[in-house]
Structure formats: structure tokens, C-alpha cells
Amino acid sequence: MSLWLTNWKTDGGGAWSGRRVLALVGHAYAGRLDFFVHPDGQAVQVDVLEVESRFQKRGLASVLMDALYAAYPTAWIDHGGRSPEGTRWWDRYREPAPERNIHNRPPVEWAHYFDPVGVAGQKTRNAYQNRYHGVDGHRSVVYRYGEPMEAEARHYAPQFREPDVQSLDPALHELHGGMRLFLPPGLHRLAHDTAADTVVRAGMLLDHIGYGNLPAAAAWNTTRLEALEDLAQEEVFDTRQHAPATHVTFRILPLANEKLPEHDPKASWLRFMNSPGIDVQLAGMSWRLPDRPWVTHHAAFDPPVAAAIAPQFRQDASPAYLSRYSKLGDLLPGQRAHRSEAPSPYVGRGAEITAMANRLLEGVARRAAARPDIPSRQPQHAEQSAHQQPSQRHPPRLP
């Protein structure tokens, strides 16, 4: 079994970051613990603890929770309310640091992180679940277990303040998004051929994907590693049988600030909303196989490639998008990968160039006709040239 602490991309949480501990048995998903982390890293709120049915009754839930305590060794932890299954599990669980569980401490110590009124409601619910299922639930360590706490909670409620959201600005940061590809066998071999030029291989992948098909539903991150983590998680949760996937990430430059597309920003990632097809400058690509992460291919585009994030719904594609891309996201005939490429100065000017050439030839002929004859030089006599042979050097003779 292995544990993986990674990101959890969820729309909730506000300024709190979503994080996740994944449990894997071999390559199979076995369980997860989803939680939110305060921006200062000193408070954690548990959201979901889940273990797959075939891996239950093996202590895996306890391993996941122990990993959370170890990952944040000084943080307050709010376990929230419990389901019937969670109530029975909690009665068996032994906390490694019960003094950091906010249910065990007075609100004066943690009220600036959590809403005391909401926590009081959680504790009331958990006490009811304990009575209903006939378990102890470690009531001896719970602060004022079973007592009314409404007055104390209201007293400390003004201390609670939600942290300010530090949103990611796509006009200031490069963004990294990813997608999984199931390539035809021939293209798959070429894409992962380390002997071939990476920029050429990236161009082949981009031709296959479509310049206007960058992922619309993906989370766009501040780092390539986060984008690769998203793809690795998608791989874990995809239990279908299929050919080997290729994980591809895209690096786009900051967007033009004058008209940013609709987006939902978080601290280190964002998601574009209702994309009509968003023009971007693609500065690079990376790709790798999920079972060989140590072999990652990188290609940088200089100058950047003019590409687009695909429309979320094809019927809502903007006129600007449809003027450059087909409904499948491919470049239309006559469109170039680099918008900055200057067209040839000779395109469409054949008649003009022919007329100019004719005028030049006519001018040359007129000047030749008006110029007086110039006598040519007399050729040298043969006998003179015979005496002007180049001298040959001979090495000195030694006595």
C-alpha cells in the first residue's frame, strides 16, 4: 500500500485549499481523505473519509487519518459531524494527538479559525450518534461533552473571521493545464521516441489534438507539477480497460488583461467558465507515460503558438473562434500556427511583379541603345604571353 498527499480540486472552500490523501494498493484506488487547509497551514477541516468496500476492515481509514495528523503536525483539526459508519469507526480509532482536535478544546483557543456555533452543532450531532449506536465515542476527552454550548459558542463567535481569498490572476501568471490522450499506436511510438526532436514531436501531438482544442474543463494551475498531479489522479479513478494513456500538459502565457474570460479563481488554480473559445499563447508542452514519470518530454515554443482553449459547448463557440478553427478544433485552411508570422510580400502580386520586371528590361534596352560604342582592348600577342609565365621557386641546393 502507498499513500499520496496531493491536491483536491473542488469548487468549495473559499480561501481554504483543498487537499487529499490517497491510498493505493498496487495501482488500485483503495481510499481517500479529503480536507481543507487554512492559508497559514495551522488549521485543517476534514470533509470526506472513504474506504473502498473491498479494502475495509483492514485499518485503512485509521492509516489515512494518521497521515493527516503527520502531514500537519501543529494544526488544529476539525473532524466535523459523523455518519453512522463514521461514528462506529471513530469509537475504535485512537487519535495520535487528541489535544489538537477542536472538539476536545474550548473555543477560546481556536475560534479565530472555525465558527464556534457551527462546531457546537457538530458536537451535538456526534453525541446523538454515539447514544443511538451505543458507543462511547471518546466522550471523556471531549470538551463539555453533552452539555449545552450555545451561550459559549455565541460569546466567541465574533472572533471567527474567514481569511481573505488570494485569487490567482490569469493576467499575471503563466498557467498549466493537462489532458490524457489515447494515441494511435504509430503516433504513440513517435511521441515517446527520445531520439526524435521534441519540438517536432510536440507539433505532431498538437496537430492530433487540434490547435483549438486545449482542455476547457481542466483546472489551470500555476505549475506543471500540479497539472501532472491532476492527470495522475484522473488515472487512479479511471478503472476502464484502455490502451496506455499519454499525459500531456500545456503552458500558456498570461492572458491579455483588457478582457479576461469568465473564470473561477482559487489560490493556485482556476477553472474557465462557459468558455466560448479562448485565445491563448502556447509557450510549451510536456508529456509522459503515467507508469514512467521519470521520462518526461519537454518542448518550448519560441515564438509561442497561437492556440485556443476549446469552447465548453461547441454550439456556444464565438465567431472569432469559428473564423480560425473548425468544429473539431483544427486550424482552418489558410490559418497559421503563429499569428505573428508575416505573410509573404509576394503573395497575390504576380501581375505587379511581372509589369515591374518588364519596365526594368525596357529601361536597360533604352540605355544600351543611347550609349556610344566603346572600343574593346586589343588582345595580347601570343609571344608576349609566352614570356610571362609565372616563376617557379626551387629549393636551394646544398653544397
Protein backbone atom coordinates (compact mmCIF):
# COMPACT_ATOMS: atom_id res chain seq x y z
CA MET A 1 0.00 0.00 0.00
CA SER A 2 1.13 3.56 -0.69
CA LEU A 3 -0.15 6.97 0.43
CA TRP A 4 -0.14 10.09 -1.71
CA LEU A 5 -0.71 13.61 -0.37
CA THR A 6 -1.93 15.70 -3.29
CA ASN A 7 -4.31 18.47 -4.33
CA TRP A 8 -8.06 18.20 -4.26
CA LYS A 9 -9.72 20.36 -6.92
CA THR A 10 -13.12 21.32 -5.54
CA ASP A 11 -15.32 24.35 -6.02
CA GLY A 12 -15.84 24.87 -2.26
CA GLY A 13 -13.54 26.02 0.48
CA GLY A 14 -13.21 29.73 -0.23
CA ALA A 15 -9.69 30.75 0.74
CA TRP A 16 -9.02 27.30 2.22
CA SER A 17 -7.11 24.98 -0.12
CA GLY A 18 -8.44 21.53 -0.95
CA ARG A 19 -6.02 18.69 -0.19
CA ARG A 20 -6.30 14.92 -0.35
CA VAL A 21 -4.59 11.80 0.96
CA LEU A 22 -4.99 8.93 -1.49
CA ALA A 23 -4.44 5.30 -0.55
CA LEU A 24 -3.34 2.93 -3.31
CA VAL A 25 -2.93 -0.82 -3.15
CA GLY A 26 -0.72 -1.63 -6.09
CA HIS A 27 -2.19 0.66 -8.76
CA ALA A 28 -5.75 0.30 -7.43
CA TYR A 29 -7.62 3.04 -5.61
CA ALA A 30 -8.33 1.96 -2.03
CA GLY A 31 -9.47 5.07 -0.16
CA ARG A 32 -9.19 8.82 0.29
CA LEU A 33 -9.32 11.55 2.89
CA ASP A 34 -10.41 14.96 1.56
CA PHE A 35 -9.88 18.07 3.66
CA PHE A 36 -9.38 21.85 3.57
CA VAL A 37 -6.32 23.69 4.83
CA HIS A 38 -6.28 27.27 6.13
CA PRO A 39 -3.93 29.62 4.20
CA ASP A 40 -1.50 29.72 7.13
CA GLY A 41 -1.42 25.91 7.36
CA GLN A 42 -2.41 25.89 11.04
CA ALA A 43 -5.99 24.65 10.73
CA VAL A 44 -7.48 21.67 8.89
CA GLN A 45 -11.13 20.79 8.27
CA VAL A 46 -11.97 17.18 7.39
CA ASP A 47 -14.56 16.79 4.63
CA VAL A 48 -14.70 13.13 3.50
CA LEU A 49 -13.10 9.91 4.70
CA GLU A 50 -13.81 6.96 2.41
CA VAL A 51 -12.50 3.41 2.01
CA GLU A 52 -13.48 1.12 -0.85
CA SER A 53 -15.59 -1.82 0.33
CA ARG A 54 -13.06 -4.49 -0.68
CA PHE A 55 -10.38 -2.79 1.47
CA GLN A 56 -12.48 -2.18 4.58
CA LYS A 57 -11.89 -3.86 7.98
CA ARG A 58 -8.13 -3.55 7.50
CA GLY A 59 -7.45 -0.33 9.43
CA LEU A 60 -7.03 1.74 6.27
CA ALA A 61 -9.26 4.60 7.49
CA SER A 62 -7.08 4.94 10.58
CA VAL A 63 -3.93 4.97 8.43
CA LEU A 64 -5.38 7.80 6.34
CA MET A 65 -6.27 9.85 9.41
CA ASP A 66 -2.87 9.24 10.99
CA ALA A 67 -1.29 10.52 7.77
CA LEU A 68 -3.29 13.74 8.09
CA TYR A 69 -2.02 14.29 11.64
CA ALA A 70 1.53 13.63 10.47
CA ALA A 71 1.28 15.95 7.46
CA TYR A 72 0.12 18.89 9.63
CA PRO A 73 1.80 18.27 12.98
CA THR A 74 0.92 21.64 14.58
CA ALA A 75 -2.52 22.36 13.06
CA TRP A 76 -5.93 22.41 14.71
CA ILE A 77 -8.20 19.70 13.24
CA ASP A 78 -11.96 19.86 12.88
CA HIS A 79 -13.38 16.38 12.23
CA GLY A 80 -16.90 17.70 11.66
CA GLY A 81 -20.07 15.69 12.05
CA ARG A 82 -20.08 11.91 11.61
CA SER A 83 -22.24 9.47 9.68
CA PRO A 84 -23.36 6.21 11.32
CA GLU A 85 -20.39 4.38 9.75
CA GLY A 86 -18.06 7.18 10.82
CA THR A 87 -19.42 7.05 14.37
CA ARG A 88 -18.63 3.36 14.76
CA TRP A 89 -15.19 3.83 13.20
CA TRP A 90 -14.36 6.81 15.44
CA ASP A 91 -15.15 4.76 18.54
CA ARG A 92 -12.40 2.32 17.51
CA TYR A 93 -9.91 4.95 16.35
CA ARG A 94 -7.12 6.19 18.65
CA GLU A 95 -6.15 9.76 17.93
CA PRO A 96 -2.39 10.39 17.81
CA ALA A 97 -2.87 13.96 19.12
CA PRO A 98 -6.32 14.47 20.73
CA GLU A 99 -5.21 17.83 22.10
CA ARG A 100 -5.32 19.25 18.55
CA ASN A 101 -8.91 18.12 17.96
CA ILE A 102 -11.03 21.28 18.39
CA HIS A 103 -13.92 19.21 19.78
CA ASN A 104 -11.67 18.50 22.75
CA ARG A 105 -10.67 22.11 23.47
CA PRO A 106 -12.51 25.31 24.49
CA PRO A 107 -13.48 27.74 21.69
CA VAL A 108 -11.24 30.48 23.06
CA GLU A 109 -8.24 28.55 21.68
CA TRP A 110 -9.42 28.02 18.09
CA ALA A 111 -12.38 30.38 17.43
CA HIS A 112 -10.39 32.56 15.02
CA TYR A 113 -10.17 29.55 12.65
CA PHE A 114 -13.60 27.87 13.00
CA ASP A 115 -17.15 29.08 13.62
CA PRO A 116 -17.92 28.15 17.25
CA VAL A 117 -21.67 27.97 16.61
CA GLY A 118 -21.18 25.52 13.74
CA VAL A 119 -18.78 23.40 15.80
CA ALA A 120 -21.27 23.27 18.68
CA GLY A 121 -23.84 21.86 16.25
CA GLN A 122 -21.37 19.20 15.09
CA LYS A 123 -20.69 18.11 18.68
CA THR A 124 -24.41 17.85 19.43
CA ARG A 125 -24.92 15.68 16.36
CA ASN A 126 -21.98 13.42 17.25
CA ALA A 127 -23.23 12.97 20.82
CA TYR A 128 -26.62 11.92 19.46
CA GLN A 129 -25.00 9.42 17.07
CA ASN A 130 -22.99 7.95 19.96
CA ARG A 131 -26.14 7.40 22.03
CA TYR A 132 -28.09 5.98 19.11
CA HIS A 133 -25.37 3.46 18.20
CA GLY A 134 -24.46 2.68 21.79
CA VAL A 135 -20.78 3.69 21.61
CA ASP A 136 -18.60 5.78 23.88
CA GLY A 137 -17.02 7.95 21.17
CA HIS A 138 -14.14 9.01 23.49
CA ARG A 139 -16.52 11.27 25.37
CA SER A 140 -14.10 11.64 28.29
CA VAL A 141 -11.76 13.85 26.27
CA VAL A 142 -14.46 15.92 24.54
CA TYR A 143 -14.80 19.44 25.93
CA ARG A 144 -18.11 19.75 27.82
CA TYR A 145 -19.46 16.57 26.25
CA GLY A 146 -23.26 16.57 26.04
CA GLU A 147 -23.62 19.99 27.68
CA PRO A 148 -25.46 22.92 26.08
CA MET A 149 -22.83 25.16 24.49
CA GLU A 150 -24.96 27.74 22.68
CA ALA A 151 -24.09 30.60 25.03
CA GLU A 152 -20.34 29.93 24.98
CA ALA A 153 -20.36 29.49 21.20
CA ARG A 154 -22.19 32.79 20.67
CA HIS A 155 -19.73 34.52 23.01
CA TYR A 156 -16.71 33.51 20.92
CA ALA A 157 -18.38 33.67 17.53
CA PRO A 158 -17.19 37.28 16.85
CA GLN A 159 -13.57 36.04 16.93
CA PHE A 160 -14.14 33.95 13.81
CA ARG A 161 -13.09 35.56 10.54
CA GLU A 162 -12.94 33.93 7.14
CA PRO A 163 -9.49 34.56 5.59
CA ASP A 164 -9.24 36.81 2.57
CA VAL A 165 -9.23 34.94 -0.71
CA GLN A 166 -5.93 35.39 -2.57
CA SER A 167 -7.18 34.62 -6.06
CA LEU A 168 -4.99 33.59 -8.95
CA ASP A 169 -4.90 36.31 -11.63
CA PRO A 170 -4.58 34.82 -15.14
CA ALA A 171 -3.31 38.17 -16.43
CA LEU A 172 -0.23 37.92 -14.20
CA HIS A 173 0.67 34.23 -14.15
CA GLU A 174 1.54 31.53 -16.63
CA LEU A 175 -0.97 28.69 -16.46
CA HIS A 176 -0.56 24.93 -16.85
CA GLY A 177 -3.40 22.62 -17.85
CA GLY A 178 -3.45 18.98 -18.87
CA MET A 179 -5.28 16.23 -20.70
CA ARG A 180 -4.98 12.47 -21.14
CA LEU A 181 -4.55 11.20 -24.68
CA PHE A 182 -5.08 7.71 -26.11
CA LEU A 183 -2.95 7.92 -29.22
CA PRO A 184 -2.92 5.66 -32.30
CA PRO A 185 -0.08 3.10 -32.00
CA GLY A 186 2.15 4.75 -34.60
CA LEU A 187 1.81 8.24 -33.13
CA HIS A 188 2.24 6.83 -29.63
CA ARG A 189 5.62 5.35 -30.59
CA LEU A 190 6.77 8.56 -32.26
CA ALA A 191 5.64 10.79 -29.39
CA HIS A 192 7.75 8.81 -26.91
CA ASP A 193 10.77 8.30 -29.18
CA THR A 194 13.53 10.08 -27.28
CA ALA A 195 15.78 10.08 -30.35
CA ALA A 196 13.42 12.43 -32.23
CA ASP A 197 13.34 16.21 -31.84
CA THR A 198 10.93 17.22 -29.05
CA VAL A 199 9.57 20.29 -30.84
CA VAL A 200 8.73 18.17 -33.89
CA ARG A 201 7.02 15.58 -31.70
CA ALA A 202 5.10 18.31 -29.84
CA GLY A 203 3.90 19.65 -33.18
CA MET A 204 2.65 16.19 -34.12
CA LEU A 205 0.74 15.93 -30.85
CA LEU A 206 -0.73 19.39 -31.33
CA ASP A 207 -1.84 18.50 -34.85
CA HIS A 208 -3.55 15.42 -33.43
CA ILE A 209 -5.22 17.33 -30.58
CA GLY A 210 -6.15 20.41 -32.59
CA TYR A 211 -4.79 23.92 -32.04
CA GLY A 212 -8.22 24.99 -30.81
CA ASN A 213 -8.75 22.01 -28.51
CA LEU A 214 -6.83 22.86 -25.35
CA PRO A 215 -8.88 21.45 -22.44
CA ALA A 216 -11.88 23.58 -21.43
CA ALA A 217 -12.89 21.59 -18.34
CA ALA A 218 -9.37 21.26 -16.90
CA ALA A 219 -8.09 23.06 -13.84
CA TRP A 220 -5.38 25.52 -14.91
CA ASN A 221 -2.55 25.63 -12.36
CA THR A 222 0.45 27.79 -11.56
CA THR A 223 2.89 24.88 -12.03
CA ARG A 224 3.36 21.99 -14.43
CA LEU A 225 3.67 19.57 -11.49
CA GLU A 226 0.14 20.40 -10.31
CA ALA A 227 -1.23 19.78 -13.79
CA LEU A 228 0.52 16.41 -13.91
CA GLU A 229 -0.88 15.56 -10.47
CA ASP A 230 -4.39 16.24 -11.77
CA LEU A 231 -3.82 13.78 -14.61
CA ALA A 232 -2.33 11.18 -12.28
CA GLN A 233 -5.43 11.38 -10.07
CA GLU A 234 -7.66 11.02 -13.11
CA GLU A 235 -5.67 7.90 -13.98
CA VAL A 236 -6.23 6.45 -10.50
CA PHE A 237 -10.02 6.92 -10.61
CA ASP A 238 -10.38 5.62 -14.19
CA THR A 239 -10.96 1.87 -13.83
CA ARG A 240 -11.79 1.24 -17.50
CA GLN A 241 -9.63 -1.02 -19.65
CA HIS A 242 -7.92 1.02 -22.33
CA ALA A 243 -4.66 1.50 -24.21
CA PRO A 244 -1.81 3.26 -22.38
CA ALA A 245 -2.57 6.94 -21.85
CA THR A 246 -0.21 9.80 -22.54
CA HIS A 247 -0.34 12.65 -20.01
CA VAL A 248 0.09 15.99 -21.80
CA THR A 249 0.39 19.43 -20.20
CA PHE A 250 0.22 22.85 -21.83
CA ARG A 251 1.96 26.05 -20.69
CA ILE A 252 0.19 29.25 -21.70
CA LEU A 253 1.38 32.80 -21.21
CA PRO A 254 -0.57 35.34 -19.11
CA LEU A 255 -3.79 36.36 -20.81
CA ALA A 256 -4.46 39.83 -22.17
CA ASN A 257 -5.69 41.95 -19.28
CA GLU A 258 -8.15 44.12 -21.19
CA LYS A 259 -10.84 41.42 -21.44
CA LEU A 260 -10.32 38.37 -19.24
CA PRO A 261 -12.67 35.44 -19.85
CA GLU A 262 -15.06 34.35 -17.12
CA HIS A 263 -13.22 32.17 -14.60
CA ASP A 264 -13.44 30.81 -11.05
CA PRO A 265 -10.09 31.53 -9.34
CA LYS A 266 -8.57 29.76 -6.35
CA ALA A 267 -5.23 30.37 -4.62
CA SER A 268 -3.10 28.29 -7.02
CA TRP A 269 -5.51 27.25 -9.79
CA LEU A 270 -8.58 28.35 -11.70
CA ARG A 271 -11.23 26.98 -13.98
CA PHE A 272 -12.60 28.83 -17.00
CA MET A 273 -16.37 29.09 -17.02
CA ASN A 274 -18.55 28.82 -20.13
CA SER A 275 -15.58 29.11 -22.46
CA PRO A 276 -16.57 30.41 -25.93
CA GLY A 277 -13.09 29.51 -27.19
CA ILE A 278 -10.31 31.47 -25.50
CA ASP A 279 -7.29 32.67 -27.49
CA VAL A 280 -4.02 31.84 -25.73
CA GLN A 281 -0.31 31.92 -26.45
CA LEU A 282 1.00 28.36 -26.07
CA ALA A 283 4.61 28.60 -24.88
CA GLY A 284 5.36 24.91 -24.32
CA MET A 285 4.19 21.34 -23.85
CA SER A 286 5.26 18.38 -21.72
CA TRP A 287 4.16 14.76 -21.91
CA ARG A 288 4.92 11.39 -20.33
CA LEU A 289 3.55 7.93 -19.64
CA PRO A 290 1.88 7.50 -16.23
CA ASP A 291 3.97 4.45 -15.37
CA ARG A 292 7.25 6.16 -16.40
CA PRO A 293 7.12 9.62 -14.80
CA TRP A 294 10.91 9.86 -14.74
CA VAL A 295 10.89 10.13 -18.57
CA THR A 296 9.13 13.44 -19.24
CA HIS A 297 9.46 15.14 -22.61
CA HIS A 298 9.54 18.96 -22.82
CA ALA A 299 9.18 21.28 -25.80
CA ALA A 300 9.31 25.09 -25.70
CA PHE A 301 7.77 27.19 -28.47
CA ASP A 302 9.64 30.38 -29.36
CA PRO A 303 7.76 32.29 -30.59
CA PRO A 304 4.64 30.99 -28.85
CA VAL A 305 2.00 29.16 -30.84
CA ALA A 306 -1.39 30.83 -31.27
CA ALA A 307 -3.86 28.30 -29.86
CA ALA A 308 -7.19 28.31 -28.03
CA ILE A 309 -8.93 26.72 -25.08
CA ALA A 310 -11.85 24.84 -26.60
CA PRO A 311 -15.43 26.08 -26.17
CA GLN A 312 -17.18 24.43 -23.26
CA PHE A 313 -20.12 23.77 -25.58
CA ARG A 314 -19.48 23.71 -29.32
CA GLN A 315 -22.77 25.43 -30.10
CA ASP A 316 -21.60 28.40 -28.00
CA ALA A 317 -18.32 28.94 -29.85
CA SER A 318 -17.63 32.60 -30.57
CA PRO A 319 -17.45 33.98 -34.15
CA ALA A 320 -13.75 34.75 -33.60
CA TYR A 321 -13.11 31.10 -32.71
CA LEU A 322 -15.09 29.78 -35.69
CA SER A 323 -13.20 32.09 -38.05
CA ARG A 324 -9.95 30.28 -37.19
CA TYR A 325 -10.91 26.73 -36.15
CA SER A 326 -13.20 24.01 -37.39
CA LYS A 327 -15.87 22.44 -35.20
CA LEU A 328 -13.29 19.78 -34.32
CA GLY A 329 -10.76 22.41 -33.19
CA ASP A 330 -8.42 22.08 -36.18
CA LEU A 331 -6.94 25.10 -37.95
CA LEU A 332 -8.97 26.16 -40.96
CA PRO A 333 -7.20 26.29 -44.36
CA GLY A 334 -5.02 29.39 -44.62
CA GLN A 335 -4.64 29.80 -40.83
CA ARG A 336 -1.13 29.70 -39.40
CA ALA A 337 0.15 28.28 -36.11
CA HIS A 338 1.85 31.63 -35.41
CA ARG A 339 -0.39 34.62 -35.90
CA SER A 340 2.71 36.81 -35.78
CA GLU A 341 4.08 35.20 -38.94
CA ALA A 342 4.19 37.91 -41.63
CA PRO A 343 2.67 36.74 -44.92
CA SER A 344 4.98 36.56 -47.91
CA PRO A 345 5.31 40.03 -49.55
CA TYR A 346 4.94 38.37 -52.97
CA VAL A 347 1.61 36.64 -52.40
CA GLY A 348 -1.04 37.93 -54.86
CA ARG A 349 1.35 40.33 -56.61
CA GLY A 350 2.29 38.27 -59.67
CA ALA A 351 0.96 40.73 -62.28
CA GLU A 352 2.54 43.69 -60.47
CA ILE A 353 5.93 41.98 -60.27
CA THR A 354 5.78 40.99 -63.99
CA ALA A 355 4.98 44.56 -65.04
CA MET A 356 7.82 45.92 -62.92
CA ALA A 357 10.27 43.42 -64.47
CA ASN A 358 9.18 44.44 -67.99
CA ARG A 359 9.72 48.11 -67.19
CA LEU A 360 13.21 47.38 -65.90
CA LEU A 361 14.11 45.43 -69.05
CA GLU A 362 12.81 48.21 -71.27
CA GLY A 363 14.91 50.75 -69.39
CA VAL A 364 18.03 48.64 -69.80
CA ALA A 365 17.40 48.38 -73.54
CA ARG A 366 16.93 52.15 -73.94
CA ARG A 367 20.14 52.96 -72.09
CA ALA A 368 22.11 50.44 -74.15
CA ALA A 369 20.83 51.96 -77.40
CA ALA A 370 21.76 55.53 -76.36
CA ARG A 371 25.32 54.67 -75.20
CA PRO A 372 28.23 55.24 -77.72
CA ASP A 373 30.37 52.28 -78.81
CA ILE A 374 33.45 51.72 -76.63
CA PRO A 375 36.44 50.13 -78.40
CA SER A 376 37.48 46.89 -76.88
CA ARG A 377 41.02 46.26 -75.64
CA GLN A 378 43.48 44.63 -78.02
CA PRO A 379 44.43 41.08 -77.08
CA GLN A 380 47.97 40.38 -76.04
CA HIS A 381 50.31 38.74 -78.56
CA ALA A 382 50.95 35.11 -78.05
CA GLU A 383 54.71 35.58 -77.95
CA GLN A 384 54.36 38.19 -75.21
CA SER A 385 52.24 35.98 -73.04
CA ALA A 386 54.68 33.18 -73.56
CA HIS A 387 57.43 35.18 -71.83
CA GLN A 388 55.15 35.99 -68.86
CA GLN A 389 54.96 32.56 -67.36
CA PRO A 390 54.92 32.64 -63.56
CA SER A 391 58.26 31.97 -61.97
CA GLN A 392 58.71 28.74 -60.09
CA ARG A 393 60.63 28.57 -56.83
CA HIS A 394 63.17 25.84 -56.36
CA PRO A 395 64.61 24.77 -53.02
CA PRO A 396 68.25 25.82 -52.54
CA ARG A 397 70.87 23.24 -53.38
CA LEU A 398 73.17 22.28 -50.55
CA PRO A 399 76.94 22.01 -51.30
